[in-house]
Structure formats: C-alpha cells, structure tokens
Amino acid sequence: MATDIRTVLDSMENALRLQMQANAERRSARAEREEQEFLEKLKRTAASKTELEAKAESLKGTQDAVRRDQLMMLMMAGF
C-alpha cells in the first residue's frame, strides 16, 4: 500500500514537473516572438521616421525655393 501511494505521488510530481516545463517553454517562445515583433515594429518605425524626415526636408527645400523666387520677383519689381 505504501508503494502504491509512493507511485501515485511520484506520478503526480512528474506530471507537475512536465506541466511547469511546458509552461516555461511556452512563455519563452512567446517572449521570443514578442521580442521579434517589437524589433520589426522598431525597424518599421525607424524607416518611416527616416522617410518622414526626408519628406520634411524636401518640403522645406521647396518652401525655401518658393521664398527665394518671391524675393527675386520683388527685387526685380523694384521693391
């Protein structure tokens, strides 16, 4: 009878150990997946930021050119 109880306890302990190991592996896999997703999002954000900065610089250059042209026209008109 004592060996039967010991067998049941060993079996329960083994089941708990396997369950804890499986949960740890799932958490680890999820953490890796979330880290990869975060890195991808970070790369996309950096790329879009660079893109936005380039567009802003282009727009600023265009605005500067318009101001320059307006100033030249005023100077030619004698103002």
PDB file of N, CA and C in Angstrom:
ATOM      1  N   MET A   1       0.820  -1.191   0.000  1.00  0.00           N
ATOM      2  CA  MET A   1       0.000   0.000   0.000  1.00  0.00           C
ATOM      3  C   MET A   1       0.865   1.256   0.000  1.00  0.00           C
ATOM      4  N   ALA A   2       1.928   1.243   0.782  1.00  0.00           N
ATOM      5  CA  ALA A   2       2.832   2.396   0.827  1.00  0.00           C
ATOM      6  C   ALA A   2       3.493   2.609  -0.520  1.00  0.00           C
ATOM      7  N   THR A   3       3.814   1.527  -1.212  1.00  0.00           N
ATOM      8  CA  THR A   3       4.430   1.668  -2.533  1.00  0.00           C
ATOM      9  C   THR A   3       3.433   2.209  -3.546  1.00  0.00           C
ATOM     10  N   ASP A   4       2.156   1.868  -3.399  1.00  0.00           N
ATOM     11  CA  ASP A   4       1.124   2.401  -4.293  1.00  0.00           C
ATOM     12  C   ASP A   4       1.000   3.912  -4.117  1.00  0.00           C
ATOM     13  N   ILE A   5       1.004   4.364  -2.865  1.00  0.00           N
ATOM     14  CA  ILE A   5       0.900   5.794  -2.586  1.00  0.00           C
ATOM     15  C   ILE A   5       2.150   6.509  -3.121  1.00  0.00           C
ATOM     16  N   ARG A   6       3.293   5.886  -2.910  1.00  0.00           N
ATOM     17  CA  ARG A   6       4.551   6.474  -3.381  1.00  0.00           C
ATOM     18  C   ARG A   6       4.542   6.578  -4.903  1.00  0.00           C
ATOM     19  N   THR A   7       4.021   5.571  -5.586  1.00  0.00           N
ATOM     20  CA  THR A   7       3.922   5.577  -7.045  1.00  0.00           C
ATOM     21  C   THR A   7       3.007   6.706  -7.519  1.00  0.00           C
ATOM     22  N   VAL A   8       1.870   6.875  -6.829  1.00  0.00           N
ATOM     23  CA  VAL A   8       0.924   7.941  -7.178  1.00  0.00           C
ATOM     24  C   VAL A   8       1.577   9.310  -6.964  1.00  0.00           C
ATOM     25  N   LEU A   9       2.254   9.471  -5.834  1.00  0.00           N
ATOM     26  CA  LEU A   9       2.919  10.743  -5.547  1.00  0.00           C
ATOM     27  C   LEU A   9       4.025  11.042  -6.568  1.00  0.00           C
ATOM     28  N   ASP A  10       4.793  10.025  -6.915  1.00  0.00           N
ATOM     29  CA  ASP A  10       5.840  10.205  -7.935  1.00  0.00           C
ATOM     30  C   ASP A  10       5.234  10.592  -9.276  1.00  0.00           C
ATOM     31  N   SER A  11       4.131   9.953  -9.611  1.00  0.00           N
ATOM     32  CA  SER A  11       3.452  10.245 -10.864  1.00  0.00           C
ATOM     33  C   SER A  11       2.933  11.681 -10.880  1.00  0.00           C
ATOM     34  N   MET A  12       2.333  12.109  -9.762  1.00  0.00           N
ATOM     35  CA  MET A  12       1.819  13.474  -9.658  1.00  0.00           C
ATOM     36  C   MET A  12       2.964  14.492  -9.744  1.00  0.00           C
ATOM     37  N   GLU A  13       4.063  14.181  -9.048  1.00  0.00           N
ATOM     38  CA  GLU A  13       5.213  15.075  -9.076  1.00  0.00           C
ATOM     39  C   GLU A  13       5.774  15.192 -10.497  1.00  0.00           C
ATOM     40  N   ASN A  14       5.852  14.077 -11.178  1.00  0.00           N
ATOM     41  CA  ASN A  14       6.348  14.068 -12.553  1.00  0.00           C
ATOM     42  C   ASN A  14       5.418  14.871 -13.465  1.00  0.00           C
ATOM     43  N   ALA A  15       4.111  14.698 -13.302  1.00  0.00           N
ATOM     44  CA  ALA A  15       3.137  15.432 -14.108  1.00  0.00           C
ATOM     45  C   ALA A  15       3.263  16.933 -13.872  1.00  0.00           C
ATOM     46  N   LEU A  16       3.414  17.340 -12.602  1.00  0.00           N
ATOM     47  CA  LEU A  16       3.577  18.759 -12.289  1.00  0.00           C
ATOM     48  C   LEU A  16       4.866  19.315 -12.894  1.00  0.00           C
ATOM     49  N   ARG A  17       5.936  18.528 -12.802  1.00  0.00           N
ATOM     50  CA  ARG A  17       7.214  18.952 -13.358  1.00  0.00           C
ATOM     51  C   ARG A  17       7.102  19.155 -14.867  1.00  0.00           C
ATOM     52  N   LEU A  18       6.462  18.214 -15.553  1.00  0.00           N
ATOM     53  CA  LEU A  18       6.287  18.328 -17.000  1.00  0.00           C
ATOM     54  C   LEU A  18       5.404  19.520 -17.365  1.00  0.00           C
ATOM     55  N   GLN A  19       4.367  19.737 -16.562  1.00  0.00           N
ATOM     56  CA  GLN A  19       3.475  20.867 -16.814  1.00  0.00           C
ATOM     57  C   GLN A  19       4.224  22.190 -16.639  1.00  0.00           C
ATOM     58  N   MET A  20       5.015  22.289 -15.586  1.00  0.00           N
ATOM     59  CA  MET A  20       5.780  23.509 -15.351  1.00  0.00           C
ATOM     60  C   MET A  20       6.806  23.737 -16.468  1.00  0.00           C
ATOM     61  N   GLN A  21       7.423  22.662 -16.925  1.00  0.00           N
ATOM     62  CA  GLN A  21       8.389  22.774 -18.017  1.00  0.00           C
ATOM     63  C   GLN A  21       7.702  23.233 -19.304  1.00  0.00           C
ATOM     64  N   ALA A  22       6.546  22.685 -19.598  1.00  0.00           N
ATOM     65  CA  ALA A  22       5.795  23.071 -20.796  1.00  0.00           C
ATOM     66  C   ALA A  22       5.386  24.539 -20.720  1.00  0.00           C
ATOM     67  N   ASN A  23       4.917  24.971 -19.541  1.00  0.00           N
ATOM     68  CA  ASN A  23       4.538  26.375 -19.374  1.00  0.00           C
ATOM     69  C   ASN A  23       5.743  27.295 -19.559  1.00  0.00           C
ATOM     70  N   ALA A  24       6.876  26.901 -19.033  1.00  0.00           N
ATOM     71  CA  ALA A  24       8.093  27.709 -19.173  1.00  0.00           C
ATOM     72  C   ALA A  24       8.508  27.804 -20.639  1.00  0.00           C
ATOM     73  N   GLU A  25       8.397  26.694 -21.354  1.00  0.00           N
ATOM     74  CA  GLU A  25       8.738  26.709 -22.781  1.00  0.00           C
ATOM     75  C   GLU A  25       7.782  27.594 -23.571  1.00  0.00           C
ATOM     76  N   ARG A  26       6.488  27.548 -23.239  1.00  0.00           N
ATOM     77  CA  ARG A  26       5.515  28.410 -23.913  1.00  0.00           C
ATOM     78  C   ARG A  26       5.799  29.875 -23.626  1.00  0.00           C
ATOM     79  N   ARG A  27       6.104  30.187 -22.367  1.00  0.00           N
ATOM     80  CA  ARG A  27       6.428  31.577 -22.018  1.00  0.00           C
ATOM     81  C   ARG A  27       7.681  32.043 -22.748  1.00  0.00           C
ATOM     82  N   SER A  28       8.658  31.187 -22.842  1.00  0.00           N
ATOM     83  CA  SER A  28       9.902  31.522 -23.529  1.00  0.00           C
ATOM     84  C   SER A  28       9.650  31.773 -25.016  1.00  0.00           C
ATOM     85  N   ALA A  29       8.879  30.909 -25.636  1.00  0.00           N
ATOM     86  CA  ALA A  29       8.559  31.069 -27.056  1.00  0.00           C
ATOM     87  C   ALA A  29       7.772  32.355 -27.286  1.00  0.00           C
ATOM     88  N   ARG A  30       6.815  32.640 -26.401  1.00  0.00           N
ATOM     89  CA  ARG A  30       6.024  33.859 -26.535  1.00  0.00           C
ATOM     90  C   ARG A  30       6.911  35.088 -26.366  1.00  0.00           C
ATOM     91  N   ALA A  31       7.833  35.049 -25.415  1.00  0.00           N
ATOM     92  CA  ALA A  31       8.743  36.166 -25.195  1.00  0.00           C
ATOM     93  C   ALA A  31       9.627  36.402 -26.418  1.00  0.00           C
ATOM     94  N   GLU A  32      10.120  35.333 -27.003  1.00  0.00           N
ATOM     95  CA  GLU A  32      10.930  35.466 -28.221  1.00  0.00           C
ATOM     96  C   GLU A  32      10.113  36.050 -29.357  1.00  0.00           C
ATOM     97  N   ARG A  33       8.884  35.569 -29.527  1.00  0.00           N
ATOM     98  CA  ARG A  33       8.009  36.068 -30.590  1.00  0.00           C
ATOM     99  C   ARG A  33       7.699  37.545 -30.379  1.00  0.00           C
ATOM    100  N   GLU A  34       7.403  37.935 -29.130  1.00  0.00           N
ATOM    101  CA  GLU A  34       7.111  39.339 -28.836  1.00  0.00           C
ATOM    102  C   GLU A  34       8.338  40.216 -29.068  1.00  0.00           C
ATOM    103  N   GLU A  35       9.510  39.696 -28.739  1.00  0.00           N
ATOM    104  CA  GLU A  35      10.741  40.456 -28.972  1.00  0.00           C
ATOM    105  C   GLU A  35      10.957  40.674 -30.470  1.00  0.00           C
ATOM    106  N   GLN A  36      10.735  39.622 -31.274  1.00  0.00           N
ATOM    107  CA  GLN A  36      10.877  39.757 -32.722  1.00  0.00           C
ATOM    108  C   GLN A  36       9.874  40.759 -33.282  1.00  0.00           C
ATOM    109  N   GLU A  37       8.631  40.684 -32.816  1.00  0.00           N
ATOM    110  CA  GLU A  37       7.610  41.629 -33.266  1.00  0.00           C
ATOM    111  C   GLU A  37       7.994  43.051 -32.894  1.00  0.00           C
ATOM    112  N   PHE A  38       8.512  43.225 -31.685  1.00  0.00           N
ATOM    113  CA  PHE A  38       8.941  44.547 -31.245  1.00  0.00           C
ATOM    114  C   PHE A  38      10.076  45.073 -32.118  1.00  0.00           C
ATOM    115  N   LEU A  39      11.052  44.212 -32.406  1.00  0.00           N
ATOM    116  CA  LEU A  39      12.173  44.637 -33.246  1.00  0.00           C
ATOM    117  C   LEU A  39      11.711  44.996 -34.648  1.00  0.00           C
ATOM    118  N   GLU A  40      10.775  44.213 -35.199  1.00  0.00           N
ATOM    119  CA  GLU A  40      10.229  44.527 -36.523  1.00  0.00           C
ATOM    120  C   GLU A  40       9.508  45.869 -36.501  1.00  0.00           C
ATOM    121  N   LYS A  41       8.713  46.087 -35.476  1.00  0.00           N
ATOM    122  CA  LYS A  41       7.986  47.352 -35.351  1.00  0.00           C
ATOM    123  C   LYS A  41       8.969  48.505 -35.197  1.00  0.00           C
ATOM    124  N   LEU A  42      10.013  48.290 -34.425  1.00  0.00           N
ATOM    125  CA  LEU A  42      11.032  49.313 -34.237  1.00  0.00           C
ATOM    126  C   LEU A  42      11.720  49.641 -35.557  1.00  0.00           C
ATOM    127  N   LYS A  43      12.017  48.617 -36.353  1.00  0.00           N
ATOM    128  CA  LYS A  43      12.634  48.845 -37.666  1.00  0.00           C
ATOM    129  C   LYS A  43      11.698  49.618 -38.582  1.00  0.00           C
ATOM    130  N   ARG A  44      10.412  49.231 -38.585  1.00  0.00           N
ATOM    131  CA  ARG A  44       9.439  49.947 -39.422  1.00  0.00           C
ATOM    132  C   ARG A  44       9.309  51.391 -38.978  1.00  0.00           C
ATOM    133  N   THR A  45       9.290  51.604 -37.665  1.00  0.00           N
ATOM    134  CA  THR A  45       9.164  52.957 -37.138  1.00  0.00           C
ATOM    135  C   THR A  45      10.376  53.786 -37.529  1.00  0.00           C
ATOM    136  N   ALA A  46      11.555  53.205 -37.415  1.00  0.00           N
ATOM    137  CA  ALA A  46      12.776  53.923 -37.780  1.00  0.00           C
ATOM    138  C   ALA A  46      12.780  54.242 -39.269  1.00  0.00           C
ATOM    139  N   ALA A  47      12.330  53.288 -40.076  1.00  0.00           N
ATOM    140  CA  ALA A  47      12.278  53.512 -41.520  1.00  0.00           C
ATOM    141  C   ALA A  47      11.274  54.608 -41.854  1.00  0.00           C
ATOM    142  N   SER A  48      10.111  54.570 -41.216  1.00  0.00           N
ATOM    143  CA  SER A  48       9.110  55.589 -41.520  1.00  0.00           C
ATOM    144  C   SER A  48       9.554  56.948 -40.993  1.00  0.00           C
ATOM    145  N   LYS A  49      10.270  56.972 -39.871  1.00  0.00           N
ATOM    146  CA  LYS A  49      10.787  58.241 -39.348  1.00  0.00           C
ATOM    147  C   LYS A  49      11.793  58.834 -40.326  1.00  0.00           C
ATOM    148  N   THR A  50      12.673  58.005 -40.844  1.00  0.00           N
ATOM    149  CA  THR A  50      13.651  58.467 -41.822  1.00  0.00           C
ATOM    150  C   THR A  50      12.944  58.978 -43.066  1.00  0.00           C
ATOM    151  N   GLU A  51      11.919  58.248 -43.480  1.00  0.00           N
ATOM    152  CA  GLU A  51      11.133  58.645 -44.641  1.00  0.00           C
ATOM    153  C   GLU A  51      10.459  59.996 -44.402  1.00  0.00           C
ATOM    154  N   LEU A  52       9.855  60.153 -43.226  1.00  0.00           N
ATOM    155  CA  LEU A  52       9.193  61.413 -42.897  1.00  0.00           C
ATOM    156  C   LEU A  52      10.188  62.565 -42.835  1.00  0.00           C
ATOM    157  N   GLU A  53      11.356  62.313 -42.261  1.00  0.00           N
ATOM    158  CA  GLU A  53      12.376  63.360 -42.200  1.00  0.00           C
ATOM    159  C   GLU A  53      12.820  63.769 -43.600  1.00  0.00           C
ATOM    160  N   ALA A  54      12.961  62.800 -44.491  1.00  0.00           N
ATOM    161  CA  ALA A  54      13.346  63.103 -45.872  1.00  0.00           C
ATOM    162  C   ALA A  54      12.262  63.935 -46.566  1.00  0.00           C
ATOM    163  N   LYS A  55      10.995  63.560 -46.354  1.00  0.00           N
ATOM    164  CA  LYS A  55       9.901  64.325 -46.952  1.00  0.00           C
ATOM    165  C   LYS A  55       9.846  65.742 -46.383  1.00  0.00           C
ATOM    166  N   ALA A  56      10.056  65.862 -45.072  1.00  0.00           N
ATOM    167  CA  ALA A  56      10.049  67.182 -44.438  1.00  0.00           C
ATOM    168  C   ALA A  56      11.180  68.043 -44.985  1.00  0.00           C
ATOM    169  N   GLU A  57      12.338  67.447 -45.162  1.00  0.00           N
ATOM    170  CA  GLU A  57      13.484  68.176 -45.713  1.00  0.00           C
ATOM    171  C   GLU A  57      13.198  68.623 -47.140  1.00  0.00           C
ATOM    172  N   SER A  58      12.575  67.749 -47.914  1.00  0.00           N
ATOM    173  CA  SER A  58      12.203  68.083 -49.289  1.00  0.00           C
ATOM    174  C   SER A  58      11.192  69.225 -49.308  1.00  0.00           C
ATOM    175  N   LEU A  59      10.203  69.147 -48.425  1.00  0.00           N
ATOM    176  CA  LEU A  59       9.194  70.196 -48.334  1.00  0.00           C
ATOM    177  C   LEU A  59       9.819  71.516 -47.923  1.00  0.00           C
ATOM    178  N   LYS A  60      10.733  71.464 -46.953  1.00  0.00           N
ATOM    179  CA  LYS A  60      11.414  72.669 -46.506  1.00  0.00           C
ATOM    180  C   LYS A  60      12.219  73.267 -47.657  1.00  0.00           C
ATOM    181  N   GLY A  61      12.883  72.411 -48.429  1.00  0.00           N
ATOM    182  CA  GLY A  61      13.633  72.890 -49.595  1.00  0.00           C
ATOM    183  C   GLY A  61      12.722  73.549 -50.607  1.00  0.00           C
ATOM    184  N   THR A  62      11.542  72.964 -50.817  1.00  0.00           N
ATOM    185  CA  THR A  62      10.569  73.535 -51.748  1.00  0.00           C
ATOM    186  C   THR A  62      10.079  74.886 -51.238  1.00  0.00           C
ATOM    187  N   GLN A  63       9.786  74.982 -49.950  1.00  0.00           N
ATOM    188  CA  GLN A  63       9.345  76.256 -49.377  1.00  0.00           C
ATOM    189  C   GLN A  63      10.436  77.314 -49.488  1.00  0.00           C
ATOM    190  N   ASP A  64      11.675  76.921 -49.249  1.00  0.00           N
ATOM    191  CA  ASP A  64      12.791  77.858 -49.383  1.00  0.00           C
ATOM    192  C   ASP A  64      12.917  78.350 -50.823  1.00  0.00           C
ATOM    193  N   ALA A  65      12.726  77.450 -51.779  1.00  0.00           N
ATOM    194  CA  ALA A  65      12.803  77.826 -53.190  1.00  0.00           C
ATOM    195  C   ALA A  65      11.691  78.801 -53.543  1.00  0.00           C
ATOM    196  N   VAL A  66      10.489  78.577 -53.026  1.00  0.00           N
ATOM    197  CA  VAL A  66       9.365  79.491 -53.294  1.00  0.00           C
ATOM    198  C   VAL A  66       9.671  80.859 -52.712  1.00  0.00           C
ATOM    199  N   ARG A  67      10.167  80.914 -51.489  1.00  0.00           N
ATOM    200  CA  ARG A  67      10.519  82.205 -50.877  1.00  0.00           C
ATOM    201  C   ARG A  67      11.606  82.918 -51.671  1.00  0.00           C
ATOM    202  N   ARG A  68      12.589  82.155 -52.120  1.00  0.00           N
ATOM    203  CA  ARG A  68      13.670  82.741 -52.904  1.00  0.00           C
ATOM    204  C   ARG A  68      13.116  83.335 -54.191  1.00  0.00           C
ATOM    205  N   ASP A  69      12.241  82.589 -54.867  1.00  0.00           N
ATOM    206  CA  ASP A  69      11.649  83.076 -56.111  1.00  0.00           C
ATOM    207  C   ASP A  69      10.812  84.334 -55.869  1.00  0.00           C
ATOM    208  N   GLN A  70      10.050  84.345 -54.757  1.00  0.00           N
ATOM    209  CA  GLN A  70       9.242  85.524 -54.437  1.00  0.00           C
ATOM    210  C   GLN A  70      10.129  86.730 -54.155  1.00  0.00           C
ATOM    211  N   LEU A  71      11.211  86.510 -53.434  1.00  0.00           N
ATOM    212  CA  LEU A  71      12.149  87.591 -53.132  1.00  0.00           C
ATOM    213  C   LEU A  71      12.782  88.116 -54.416  1.00  0.00           C
ATOM    214  N   MET A  72      13.158  87.229 -55.318  1.00  0.00           N
ATOM    215  CA  MET A  72      13.748  87.651 -56.593  1.00  0.00           C
ATOM    216  C   MET A  72      12.751  88.477 -57.396  1.00  0.00           C
ATOM    217  N   MET A  73      11.481  88.060 -57.385  1.00  0.00           N
ATOM    218  CA  MET A  73      10.458  88.807 -58.128  1.00  0.00           C
ATOM    219  C   MET A  73      10.273  90.197 -57.528  1.00  0.00           C
ATOM    220  N   LEU A  74      10.276  90.278 -56.183  1.00  0.00           N
ATOM    221  CA  LEU A  74      10.153  91.589 -55.539  1.00  0.00           C
ATOM    222  C   LEU A  74      11.345  92.467 -55.881  1.00  0.00           C
ATOM    223  N   MET A  75      12.510  91.891 -55.871  1.00  0.00           N
ATOM    224  CA  MET A  75      13.716  92.669 -56.191  1.00  0.00           C
ATOM    225  C   MET A  75      13.693  93.166 -57.638  1.00  0.00           C
ATOM    226  N   MET A  76      13.213  92.298 -58.555  1.00  0.00           N
ATOM    227  CA  MET A  76      13.113  92.692 -59.968  1.00  0.00           C
ATOM    228  C   MET A  76      12.057  93.761 -60.164  1.00  0.00           C
ATOM    229  N   ALA A  77      11.007  93.733 -59.327  1.00  0.00           N
ATOM    230  CA  ALA A  77       9.928  94.716 -59.455  1.00  0.00           C
ATOM    231  C   ALA A  77      10.334  96.049 -58.860  1.00  0.00           C
ATOM    232  N   GLY A  78      11.460  96.082 -58.151  1.00  0.00           N
ATOM    233  CA  GLY A  78      11.960  97.342 -57.622  1.00  0.00           C
ATOM    234  C   GLY A  78      11.492  97.665 -56.219  1.00  0.00           C
ATOM    235  N   PHE A  79      11.006  96.714 -55.499  1.00  0.00           N
ATOM    236  CA  PHE A  79      10.565  96.973 -54.130  1.00  0.00           C
ATOM    237  C   PHE A  79      11.704  96.955 -53.186  1.00  0.00           C
TER     238      PHE A  79
END
